[in-house]
Protein backbone atom coordinates (compact mmCIF):
# COMPACT_ATOMS: atom_id res chain seq x y z
CA MET A 1 -15.88 -6.24 10.97
CA ILE A 2 -14.50 -3.38 13.00
CA GLU A 3 -15.35 -3.17 16.68
CA ARG A 4 -14.84 -0.06 18.81
CA GLU A 5 -13.55 -0.75 22.31
CA ALA A 6 -14.43 1.28 25.41
CA SER A 7 -10.97 2.89 25.18
CA GLY A 8 -11.97 4.37 21.82
CA THR A 9 -9.54 2.26 19.79
CA ASP A 10 -10.66 -0.11 17.07
CA ILE A 11 -10.00 -3.81 16.71
CA HIS A 12 -10.58 -5.87 13.58
CA CYS A 13 -12.72 -8.98 14.12
CA TRP A 14 -13.14 -11.66 11.47
CA PRO A 15 -15.32 -14.77 11.86
CA ILE A 16 -14.03 -18.13 10.60
CA ARG A 17 -15.96 -21.40 10.56
CA VAL A 18 -13.90 -24.59 10.95
CA TYR A 19 -14.53 -26.85 7.97
CA TYR A 20 -13.65 -30.50 7.49
CA GLU A 21 -10.69 -29.54 5.30
CA ASP A 22 -9.20 -27.58 8.25
CA THR A 23 -9.04 -30.60 10.55
CA ASP A 24 -6.98 -33.72 11.06
CA ALA A 25 -8.36 -37.25 11.29
CA GLY A 26 -9.60 -36.56 14.83
CA GLY A 27 -11.63 -33.51 13.85
CA ILE A 28 -9.18 -31.08 15.50
CA VAL A 29 -7.85 -28.07 13.58
CA TYR A 30 -4.44 -28.86 12.12
CA TYR A 31 -1.88 -26.51 13.69
CA ALA A 32 -0.77 -24.83 10.43
CA ASN A 33 -4.34 -23.82 9.61
CA TYR A 34 -4.32 -21.25 12.41
CA LEU A 35 -1.74 -19.40 10.30
CA LYS A 36 -4.17 -19.47 7.37
CA PHE A 37 -6.99 -18.15 9.54
CA ALA A 38 -4.78 -15.27 10.72
CA GLU A 39 -3.68 -14.49 7.15
CA ARG A 40 -7.28 -14.33 5.95
CA ALA A 41 -8.17 -11.97 8.79
CA ARG A 42 -5.24 -9.64 8.00
CA THR A 43 -6.23 -9.64 4.33
CA GLU A 44 -9.81 -8.72 5.19
CA MET A 45 -8.62 -6.04 7.60
CA MET A 46 -6.58 -4.42 4.81
CA ARG A 47 -9.56 -4.64 2.47
CA GLU A 48 -11.86 -2.99 5.03
CA LEU A 49 -9.30 -0.21 5.44
CA GLY A 50 -9.52 0.47 1.70
CA THR A 51 -6.02 -0.84 0.94
CA SER A 52 -6.24 -4.37 -0.38
CA HIS A 53 -3.07 -6.37 -0.91
CA SER A 54 -3.72 -6.58 -4.65
CA GLU A 55 -4.24 -2.82 -4.91
CA MET A 56 -1.03 -2.12 -2.97
CA THR A 57 0.89 -4.43 -5.28
CA ARG A 58 -0.65 -2.91 -8.40
CA THR A 59 -0.34 0.77 -7.43
CA GLU A 60 2.77 0.81 -5.22
CA GLY A 61 4.63 -2.31 -6.39
CA LEU A 62 4.75 -3.40 -2.75
CA SER A 63 3.46 -6.31 -0.71
CA PHE A 64 3.65 -7.65 2.82
CA ALA A 65 5.46 -10.88 3.68
CA VAL A 66 5.62 -12.61 7.04
CA ALA A 67 9.10 -12.08 8.47
CA ARG A 68 8.43 -13.67 11.86
CA CYS A 69 5.57 -15.48 13.54
CA GLU A 70 5.28 -16.72 17.11
CA VAL A 71 2.23 -18.84 17.94
CA ASP A 72 0.89 -20.05 21.26
CA TYR A 73 -1.65 -22.85 20.82
CA LEU A 74 -3.87 -22.60 23.88
CA LYS A 75 -6.87 -24.83 23.19
CA SER A 76 -8.00 -27.09 20.37
CA ALA A 77 -10.55 -25.86 17.87
CA ARG A 78 -12.74 -28.50 16.31
CA LEU A 79 -14.86 -29.19 13.27
CA ASP A 80 -17.81 -26.77 12.96
CA ASP A 81 -16.51 -24.36 15.63
CA LEU A 82 -17.17 -20.71 14.91
CA LEU A 83 -13.97 -18.81 15.62
CA GLU A 84 -13.16 -15.12 15.61
CA VAL A 85 -9.77 -13.67 14.71
CA ARG A 86 -9.17 -10.38 16.53
CA THR A 87 -6.35 -8.29 15.07
CA ARG A 88 -4.52 -5.38 16.64
CA ILE A 89 -1.53 -3.54 15.21
CA VAL A 90 1.11 -3.25 17.92
CA GLU A 91 3.73 -1.20 16.07
CA VAL A 92 4.32 0.24 12.62
CA GLY A 93 7.99 0.77 11.79
CA GLY A 94 9.61 2.06 8.64
CA ALA A 95 9.32 -1.16 6.63
CA THR A 96 7.73 -3.51 9.16
CA LEU A 97 4.62 -3.85 11.22
CA ASP A 98 3.92 -5.99 14.23
CA ALA A 99 0.46 -7.42 14.77
CA LEU A 100 -1.12 -9.38 17.57
CA GLN A 101 -3.86 -11.76 16.54
CA VAL A 102 -6.00 -13.71 18.95
CA ILE A 103 -8.18 -16.53 17.69
CA ARG A 104 -11.14 -17.11 19.97
CA ARG A 105 -14.06 -19.48 20.29
CA SER A 106 -16.65 -17.47 22.23
CA GLU A 107 -14.69 -16.20 25.23
CA ASP A 108 -11.96 -18.88 25.06
CA GLU A 109 -8.62 -18.00 23.50
CA VAL A 110 -7.64 -20.81 21.15
CA ALA A 111 -4.41 -19.37 19.70
CA ARG A 112 -2.36 -16.19 20.05
CA LEU A 113 -0.07 -15.05 17.23
CA LYS A 114 2.58 -12.35 17.24
CA VAL A 115 3.33 -11.58 13.60
CA ARG A 116 5.95 -9.31 12.04
CA LEU A 117 5.27 -8.32 8.44
CA ALA A 118 7.85 -6.77 6.15
CA CYS A 119 6.94 -4.43 3.30
CA LEU A 120 8.78 -5.59 0.18
CA ASN A 121 9.10 -4.42 -3.41
CA ARG A 122 8.83 -6.77 -6.38
CA ASP A 123 12.52 -7.64 -6.05
CA GLY A 124 12.03 -8.74 -2.46
CA ARG A 125 13.82 -5.73 -0.96
CA ALA A 126 12.48 -3.97 2.12
CA ARG A 127 10.71 -0.66 1.43
CA ARG A 128 8.97 1.90 3.60
CA ILE A 129 5.30 1.28 4.23
CA PRO A 130 3.39 3.87 2.18
CA ALA A 131 2.01 6.79 4.20
CA SER A 132 -1.58 5.99 3.19
CA VAL A 133 -1.25 2.40 4.44
CA ARG A 134 0.50 3.56 7.62
CA ALA A 135 -2.35 6.00 8.32
CA ALA A 136 -5.00 3.34 7.71
CA LEU A 137 -3.25 0.83 9.99
CA SER A 138 -2.95 3.36 12.82
CA ARG A 139 -6.69 2.88 13.41
CA PHE A 140 -5.93 -0.54 14.94
CA GLN A 141 -2.72 0.41 16.73
CA GLN A 142 -2.24 0.27 20.47
CA SER A 143 0.99 0.19 22.40
CA GLU A 144 0.20 -2.87 24.51
CA GLU A 145 0.30 -6.41 23.15
CA ARG A 146 -3.18 -7.15 24.41
CA VAL A 147 -6.37 -8.05 22.61
CA GLU A 148 -9.47 -8.65 24.68
């Protein structure tokens, strides 16, 4: 889902329910699953922009790979929580893009991820992000690393 902020910029919001398989023995979300939640949200954002990962691979021979990820775990999410992943593109470079993703439960921030993605060809070499993808991503771009 795309949400328009008062500033006129868009932010991508994706709901995620915490299932039993996402938790540890204590019913708390296992730390690595936050990465999965963020990946799913980025995939859905691309799909909503009309540029799915599979289409980009098929038509351009390119795909995105995580080059760097920094995560701050702020609060524990638990079984049956309804979370929302809010994604903002911070910067689009030649062959990379930086995203900020905030995972929230209602108004509480649960995790904050700074992710750098690299655009790669089938041989794993960095390639420029296609102009059409760059234009689509600009919809979610803001210069500050802030997602409210």
